[in-house]
Amino acid sequence: MAKVFLTEALWTYFLPYYTYVLDVVASNALGKIKTLKADFGFTTPFDQKGRVLNKKLGGGSLLDIGIYPLFAALSILGYPEEVNAQATMGKTGVDEDCTIKLEYKNGARASLFSAVTQETNTTATLEFEKGILVINSRFHEPSSITIQKEGKSEHIEFNITTNGYNYEAIHVQEMLLQNRTESILMSFEKSVQLIKLLDTVREKIKLHYD
């Protein structure tokens, strides 16, 4: 059997700011995380033949952009104990927006939202015991963060001069040099968990594809 490297190209995981955020969470510098709120929304012209709203092409906000808020929750809080979701279904039979609530054994909660019929801030806000960390717009791509703690606010820029895809390419090169067939970040298990979450939400909102 050929040993071929395979990973899901979810570029956010490899961006410098996101690594920084995960380090803040792991270090407990702001205490335990209590809530995570993330949204991703944009307005698309109504086109029932276009990819975004076409059910035959896997359209809808959840699969198109809802994956990013879900990914944020999964990578930061882990797999939830309880999943609840509701959606606004459009004329073409796909979700025009989707609201997701996740609950965890440790008491943490996530509130997520995606939409293809309205603009949102597209930020992610992490509330900790000792402060708040905001991944500024647009949180899924190269961005900056703001940390609020003890009445003070710190804004951190990462001075990225590219579109950001180079970071996942560099990671793949590192994995190949180590003769790995799986990413140490975006592992097979994480990809399975992510698609499982997407499937669970689809069932909750009664969104089925042919």
Foldseek 3Di string as FASTA:
>chain_A
DDQAADFDLQLLLQFPVNVVVLCCQVVCPQHHWAEKEFEFEEEDPDDCVDQQNPLQNVHAFCVPPVLQLLLVCCQRPNFFPDKAKAFDADPNQYGQKMWIWGAHPVNHIYTYMTGHHDGDQCKMWIDHPFWIKIFGPVNSWQTWIWIDGPNDIDTGHDPDPDRRSVRVVVQVVVCVVVVHNARPRRGPVNVVSSVVSSVVNCVNHVRDGD
